[in-house]
Amino acid sequence: MTTTEAAERHVRDVVNRSGTSFARGMNALPPAEQRAMYAIYAFCREIDDIADEPGEEHAKRDGLAAWEAEIEALHAGNPTRPTAIALAPALEGYDLPKAEFHELIAGMRMDVDLDFGSAGPMDHAGLHLYCRRVAGAVGLLTVPVFGEPRATQFALALGDALQLTNILRDIGEDAAAGRLYLPADHLARHGVTVTTAAETVRQPGVSKVCDELLREAETRFADARTQAAQHDRRKLRPALLMALIYRTYLDRLRRRGFADPTLRLRLSPLTKAGLALRARTI
C-alpha cells in the first residue's frame, strides 16, 4: 500500500509537472494547507486528464466511475489510490464536502458527453451548470482549507468568473479539439449555425456571444469582490491571486476584442510574477 509520504510526493509531482498558475498561491500556504491543496489539485488534474486525453468513450466513463468509487472508499476510510491517500488528512482536517468531489466528476462527464455527442451543445443553463461543477466545486473544496468555510458565495462567484474567462481565452484551442462551450441558445440568437466546433467559432455572430459572456464574467468577478469583503481577505489570498490573474486575462480579452476569437492570449511569467507581488498586499 502507498504510504502517506509517498502519496504526498505523488501529488506534489503532479502539481510541479502541470506548470499551473495555481502553484503560486499554493506555495505561499502553511505546510498543512499546502499539502491539502496539492492533494485537491492532483485529484482535479487526474479526473481532468481522463476526460481530456485521447481514449475511447467507454474507457473515459469507466475511469470516472472508478474515481467515484474511490471517493466513496476515501470517505469510508479506505483509500487506495495515491491521490486519495494524500486527500485523507485534508478530509479529516478540513471536513471537505464529499458531494463536491462528485460534482467535479459530473463536470468531467459533461466534457465526455460533449466529445462523443451524448448530448447536444450546451445551452446557457447547461453552461452555468458546467461552471458550477468544474469550478464552483473546486472553490467549495478549497475555502475550508483557507480557513473560511463560510465563504461559499465567494467561491461560487469566483468559480463562474474563472471558468467563463477560461472558456473565452481558450476558444480556438477547444474548437481545434472539437469542443464548443459557447451556449447554443446565444449562438442561435446571433445567427450562428452550429456545425463543427472549428467552423462554428469562425462565424461573425460569435463575437457578440463572446461579448455577452465577457460581461457575465465581469459581473461574477464583481460579485466575488463583494463577497470577499465579508470575509478575512488574508485567508482568501491564494484565491484572490487567481482572481487577479484571470481578471487580467479578461481585461486583455476586452481590449483585444473577439473579431478572431480563436487567437490565443497568454500572460508572460513576468506579468504573473508581478500579479503575485500585488496579491501580497491584499
Protein backbone atom coordinates (compact mmCIF):
# COMPACT_ATOMS: atom_id res chain seq x y z
CA MET A 1 0.00 0.00 0.00
CA THR A 2 1.18 3.53 -0.76
CA THR A 3 2.42 5.34 2.34
CA THR A 4 1.20 8.83 3.20
CA GLU A 5 4.68 10.19 2.49
CA ALA A 6 4.78 8.58 -0.96
CA ALA A 7 1.27 9.84 -1.66
CA GLU A 8 2.31 13.38 -0.75
CA ARG A 9 5.31 13.13 -3.08
CA HIS A 10 2.98 11.93 -5.82
CA VAL A 11 0.60 14.89 -5.57
CA ARG A 12 3.49 17.35 -5.34
CA ASP A 13 4.91 15.84 -8.54
CA VAL A 14 1.52 16.23 -10.24
CA VAL A 15 1.45 19.93 -9.35
CA ASN A 16 5.06 20.52 -10.41
CA ARG A 17 4.59 18.78 -13.77
CA SER A 18 1.42 20.71 -14.53
CA GLY A 19 3.01 24.18 -14.57
CA THR A 20 -0.28 25.53 -13.22
CA SER A 21 -0.69 29.17 -12.22
CA PHE A 22 -2.37 27.88 -9.06
CA ALA A 23 1.03 26.74 -7.81
CA ARG A 24 1.97 30.32 -6.86
CA GLY A 25 -0.94 30.54 -4.47
CA MET A 26 -0.45 27.04 -3.09
CA ASN A 27 3.24 27.52 -2.41
CA ALA A 28 2.51 30.52 -0.21
CA LEU A 29 0.38 28.47 2.19
CA PRO A 30 1.48 26.95 5.52
CA PRO A 31 2.63 23.30 5.18
CA ALA A 32 -0.61 21.54 6.21
CA GLU A 33 -2.77 23.74 3.98
CA GLN A 34 -0.29 23.38 1.14
CA ARG A 35 -0.42 19.58 1.36
CA ALA A 36 -4.22 19.68 1.31
CA MET A 37 -4.27 21.97 -1.73
CA TYR A 38 -1.75 19.80 -3.57
CA ALA A 39 -3.97 16.77 -3.00
CA ILE A 40 -7.11 18.61 -4.17
CA TYR A 41 -5.31 19.89 -7.26
CA ALA A 42 -3.95 16.42 -8.09
CA PHE A 43 -7.46 14.97 -7.87
CA CYS A 44 -8.75 17.66 -10.23
CA ARG A 45 -5.84 17.09 -12.61
CA GLU A 46 -6.29 13.32 -12.71
CA ILE A 47 -10.01 13.37 -13.47
CA ASP A 48 -9.48 16.17 -16.00
CA ASP A 49 -6.88 14.02 -17.74
CA ILE A 50 -9.39 11.17 -18.00
CA ALA A 51 -11.79 13.48 -19.84
CA ASP A 52 -9.19 15.32 -21.95
CA GLU A 53 -6.61 12.77 -23.05
CA PRO A 54 -7.23 10.62 -26.16
CA GLY A 55 -9.22 7.48 -25.50
CA GLU A 56 -12.40 5.54 -26.12
CA GLU A 57 -15.67 6.77 -24.64
CA HIS A 58 -16.21 3.63 -22.55
CA ALA A 59 -12.70 3.90 -21.09
CA LYS A 60 -13.29 7.51 -20.06
CA ARG A 61 -16.62 6.71 -18.45
CA ASP A 62 -15.11 3.71 -16.68
CA GLY A 63 -12.24 5.87 -15.43
CA LEU A 64 -14.60 8.47 -13.99
CA ALA A 65 -16.78 5.76 -12.42
CA ALA A 66 -13.68 4.26 -10.81
CA TRP A 67 -12.89 7.64 -9.25
CA GLU A 68 -16.46 7.90 -7.94
CA ALA A 69 -15.92 4.56 -6.20
CA GLU A 70 -12.57 5.77 -4.87
CA ILE A 71 -14.21 8.89 -3.36
CA GLU A 72 -16.67 6.63 -1.55
CA ALA A 73 -13.76 4.49 -0.32
CA LEU A 74 -11.90 7.60 0.80
CA HIS A 75 -14.84 8.79 2.87
CA ALA A 76 -15.20 5.31 4.34
CA GLY A 77 -11.55 5.46 5.44
CA ASN A 78 -10.22 3.02 2.82
CA PRO A 79 -8.50 4.99 0.05
CA THR A 80 -6.30 3.01 -2.34
CA ARG A 81 -5.00 5.46 -4.95
CA PRO A 82 -2.02 7.70 -4.09
CA THR A 83 -4.00 10.91 -4.62
CA ALA A 84 -6.88 9.65 -2.48
CA ILE A 85 -4.43 8.65 0.25
CA ALA A 86 -2.97 12.17 0.12
CA LEU A 87 -6.52 13.57 0.39
CA ALA A 88 -7.30 11.63 3.57
CA PRO A 89 -5.61 14.06 6.02
CA ALA A 90 -7.28 17.01 4.27
CA LEU A 91 -10.64 15.30 4.50
CA GLU A 92 -10.20 14.82 8.24
CA GLY A 93 -8.61 18.20 8.93
CA TYR A 94 -10.91 20.42 6.88
CA ASP A 95 -14.17 18.46 6.63
CA LEU A 96 -14.18 18.58 2.83
CA PRO A 97 -17.68 18.02 1.40
CA LYS A 98 -17.98 14.67 -0.37
CA ALA A 99 -20.67 15.98 -2.70
CA GLU A 100 -18.24 18.43 -4.29
CA PHE A 101 -15.86 15.66 -5.35
CA HIS A 102 -18.79 14.02 -7.10
CA GLU A 103 -19.82 17.35 -8.67
CA LEU A 104 -16.35 17.65 -10.19
CA ILE A 105 -16.57 14.16 -11.65
CA ALA A 106 -20.03 15.01 -13.05
CA GLY A 107 -18.45 18.05 -14.73
CA MET A 108 -15.84 15.85 -16.36
CA ARG A 109 -18.63 13.58 -17.56
CA MET A 110 -20.19 16.62 -19.27
CA ASP A 111 -16.94 17.01 -21.22
CA VAL A 112 -17.13 13.37 -22.29
CA ASP A 113 -20.75 13.90 -23.35
CA LEU A 114 -19.62 16.89 -25.41
CA ASP A 115 -16.81 14.95 -27.05
CA PHE A 116 -18.85 11.91 -28.02
CA GLY A 117 -22.15 13.55 -28.89
CA SER A 118 -24.08 12.04 -25.99
CA ALA A 119 -25.65 15.48 -25.55
CA GLY A 120 -26.05 18.42 -27.89
CA PRO A 121 -24.24 21.74 -27.43
CA MET A 122 -24.81 23.27 -24.01
CA ASP A 123 -27.42 25.99 -23.66
CA HIS A 124 -26.92 28.89 -21.27
CA ALA A 125 -28.28 26.96 -18.29
CA GLY A 126 -26.07 24.00 -19.17
CA LEU A 127 -23.00 26.21 -19.37
CA HIS A 128 -23.63 27.55 -15.87
CA LEU A 129 -24.20 24.05 -14.54
CA TYR A 130 -20.86 23.12 -16.09
CA CYS A 131 -19.15 26.12 -14.44
CA ARG A 132 -20.72 25.20 -11.11
CA ARG A 133 -19.42 21.65 -11.37
CA VAL A 134 -15.89 22.14 -12.69
CA ALA A 135 -15.04 25.45 -10.99
CA GLY A 136 -17.56 26.14 -8.23
CA ALA A 137 -16.89 22.72 -6.72
CA VAL A 138 -13.16 23.48 -6.60
CA GLY A 139 -13.91 26.68 -4.72
CA LEU A 140 -16.14 24.89 -2.21
CA LEU A 141 -13.38 22.34 -1.58
CA THR A 142 -10.70 24.98 -1.10
CA VAL A 143 -12.29 27.67 1.09
CA PRO A 144 -12.35 25.30 4.11
CA VAL A 145 -8.61 24.75 3.62
CA PHE A 146 -8.08 28.53 3.56
CA GLY A 147 -9.89 28.79 6.89
CA GLU A 148 -13.05 30.44 5.51
CA PRO A 149 -15.58 27.59 5.11
CA ARG A 150 -18.48 30.07 5.15
CA ALA A 151 -17.20 31.86 2.04
CA THR A 152 -19.38 29.73 -0.21
CA GLN A 153 -20.90 32.56 -2.26
CA PHE A 154 -17.42 33.97 -2.85
CA ALA A 155 -16.25 30.55 -4.05
CA LEU A 156 -19.20 30.12 -6.43
CA ALA A 157 -18.94 33.63 -7.87
CA LEU A 158 -15.20 33.34 -8.41
CA GLY A 159 -15.62 29.87 -9.92
CA ASP A 160 -18.05 31.22 -12.52
CA ALA A 161 -15.75 34.14 -13.31
CA LEU A 162 -12.64 31.99 -13.70
CA GLN A 163 -14.33 29.34 -15.84
CA LEU A 164 -16.04 31.83 -18.16
CA THR A 165 -12.70 33.60 -18.62
CA ASN A 166 -11.03 30.28 -19.29
CA ILE A 167 -13.63 29.45 -21.96
CA LEU A 168 -13.21 32.83 -23.67
CA ARG A 169 -9.42 32.57 -23.59
CA ASP A 170 -9.32 29.02 -24.99
CA ILE A 171 -11.99 29.16 -27.73
CA GLY A 172 -9.54 28.32 -30.51
CA GLU A 173 -7.79 25.54 -28.62
CA ASP A 174 -11.09 23.98 -27.56
CA ALA A 175 -12.54 24.22 -31.06
CA ALA A 176 -9.47 22.51 -32.54
CA ALA A 177 -10.16 19.65 -30.11
CA GLY A 178 -13.81 19.53 -31.20
CA ARG A 179 -15.26 21.23 -28.12
CA LEU A 180 -17.70 24.14 -28.13
CA TYR A 181 -18.65 25.71 -24.81
CA LEU A 182 -20.44 28.77 -26.21
CA PRO A 183 -24.16 28.36 -25.37
CA ALA A 184 -26.30 27.16 -28.26
CA ASP A 185 -29.22 29.47 -27.46
CA HIS A 186 -26.94 32.53 -27.56
CA LEU A 187 -25.39 31.36 -30.81
CA ALA A 188 -28.82 30.91 -32.40
CA ARG A 189 -29.93 34.37 -31.25
CA HIS A 190 -26.96 35.88 -33.10
CA GLY A 191 -27.48 33.91 -36.27
CA VAL A 192 -24.72 31.37 -35.75
CA THR A 193 -25.33 27.91 -37.19
CA VAL A 194 -23.78 25.18 -35.07
CA THR A 195 -21.84 22.72 -37.23
CA THR A 196 -18.40 21.53 -36.20
CA ALA A 197 -16.76 23.44 -33.37
CA ALA A 198 -13.97 24.72 -35.66
CA GLU A 199 -16.44 26.02 -38.24
CA THR A 200 -18.89 27.44 -35.71
CA VAL A 201 -16.40 29.69 -33.90
CA ARG A 202 -15.39 31.43 -37.16
CA GLN A 203 -18.89 32.75 -37.91
CA PRO A 204 -19.42 36.52 -37.46
CA GLY A 205 -22.08 36.32 -34.74
CA VAL A 206 -19.71 34.51 -32.38
CA SER A 207 -18.07 37.79 -31.36
CA LYS A 208 -21.39 39.03 -29.92
CA VAL A 209 -21.80 35.82 -27.93
CA CYS A 210 -18.28 36.26 -26.57
CA ASP A 211 -19.06 39.85 -25.58
CA GLU A 212 -22.09 38.64 -23.63
CA LEU A 213 -20.08 36.00 -21.78
CA LEU A 214 -17.35 38.54 -21.07
CA ARG A 215 -19.90 40.82 -19.39
CA GLU A 216 -21.16 37.86 -17.34
CA ALA A 217 -17.62 37.11 -16.23
CA GLU A 218 -17.10 40.74 -15.22
CA THR A 219 -20.30 40.65 -13.18
CA ARG A 220 -19.20 37.49 -11.39
CA PHE A 221 -15.76 38.97 -10.65
CA ALA A 222 -17.58 41.95 -9.09
CA ASP A 223 -19.78 39.57 -7.09
CA ALA A 224 -16.69 37.73 -5.84
CA ARG A 225 -15.07 41.01 -4.79
CA THR A 226 -18.20 41.99 -2.84
CA GLN A 227 -18.33 38.60 -1.14
CA ALA A 228 -14.61 38.64 -0.30
CA ALA A 229 -15.11 41.86 1.65
CA GLN A 230 -17.34 39.94 4.07
CA HIS A 231 -14.55 37.53 5.00
CA ASP A 232 -10.89 37.59 6.04
CA ARG A 233 -9.24 38.57 2.77
CA ARG A 234 -5.84 37.47 4.04
CA LYS A 235 -7.10 33.91 4.33
CA LEU A 236 -8.54 34.10 0.82
CA ARG A 237 -5.30 35.46 -0.65
CA PRO A 238 -4.49 32.40 -2.83
CA ALA A 239 -7.94 32.62 -4.42
CA LEU A 240 -7.64 36.39 -4.82
CA LEU A 241 -4.32 35.87 -6.62
CA MET A 242 -6.12 33.68 -9.16
CA ALA A 243 -8.78 36.37 -9.44
CA LEU A 244 -6.05 38.92 -10.27
CA ILE A 245 -4.50 36.69 -12.92
CA TYR A 246 -7.77 35.78 -14.60
CA ARG A 247 -9.16 39.32 -14.36
CA THR A 248 -6.02 40.42 -16.22
CA TYR A 249 -6.81 37.86 -18.93
CA LEU A 250 -10.36 39.17 -19.13
CA ASP A 251 -9.27 42.81 -19.36
CA ARG A 252 -6.90 41.95 -22.20
CA LEU A 253 -9.62 39.98 -23.98
CA ARG A 254 -11.91 43.02 -23.75
CA ARG A 255 -9.22 45.30 -25.23
CA ARG A 256 -8.38 42.81 -27.98
CA GLY A 257 -11.99 42.01 -28.82
CA PHE A 258 -13.34 38.90 -30.50
CA ALA A 259 -13.01 39.68 -34.20
CA ASP A 260 -11.00 36.46 -34.27
CA PRO A 261 -11.92 34.61 -31.07
CA THR A 262 -9.58 31.74 -31.92
CA LEU A 263 -6.45 33.83 -31.22
CA ARG A 264 -4.74 32.54 -28.08
CA LEU A 265 -3.95 35.04 -25.33
CA ARG A 266 -1.10 34.42 -22.91
CA LEU A 267 0.38 36.19 -19.90
CA SER A 268 4.14 36.20 -19.57
CA PRO A 269 5.79 34.70 -16.47
CA LEU A 270 6.95 38.24 -15.59
CA THR A 271 3.36 39.51 -15.64
CA LYS A 272 2.21 36.64 -13.44
CA ALA A 273 5.08 37.28 -11.02
CA GLY A 274 4.06 40.93 -10.80
CA LEU A 275 0.48 39.96 -10.05
CA ALA A 276 1.71 37.60 -7.33
CA LEU A 277 3.53 40.51 -5.70
CA ARG A 278 0.37 42.62 -5.87
CA ALA A 279 -1.59 39.82 -4.21
CA ARG A 280 0.66 40.04 -1.15
CA THR A 281 -0.83 43.44 -0.37
CA ILE A 282 -4.42 42.20 -0.46
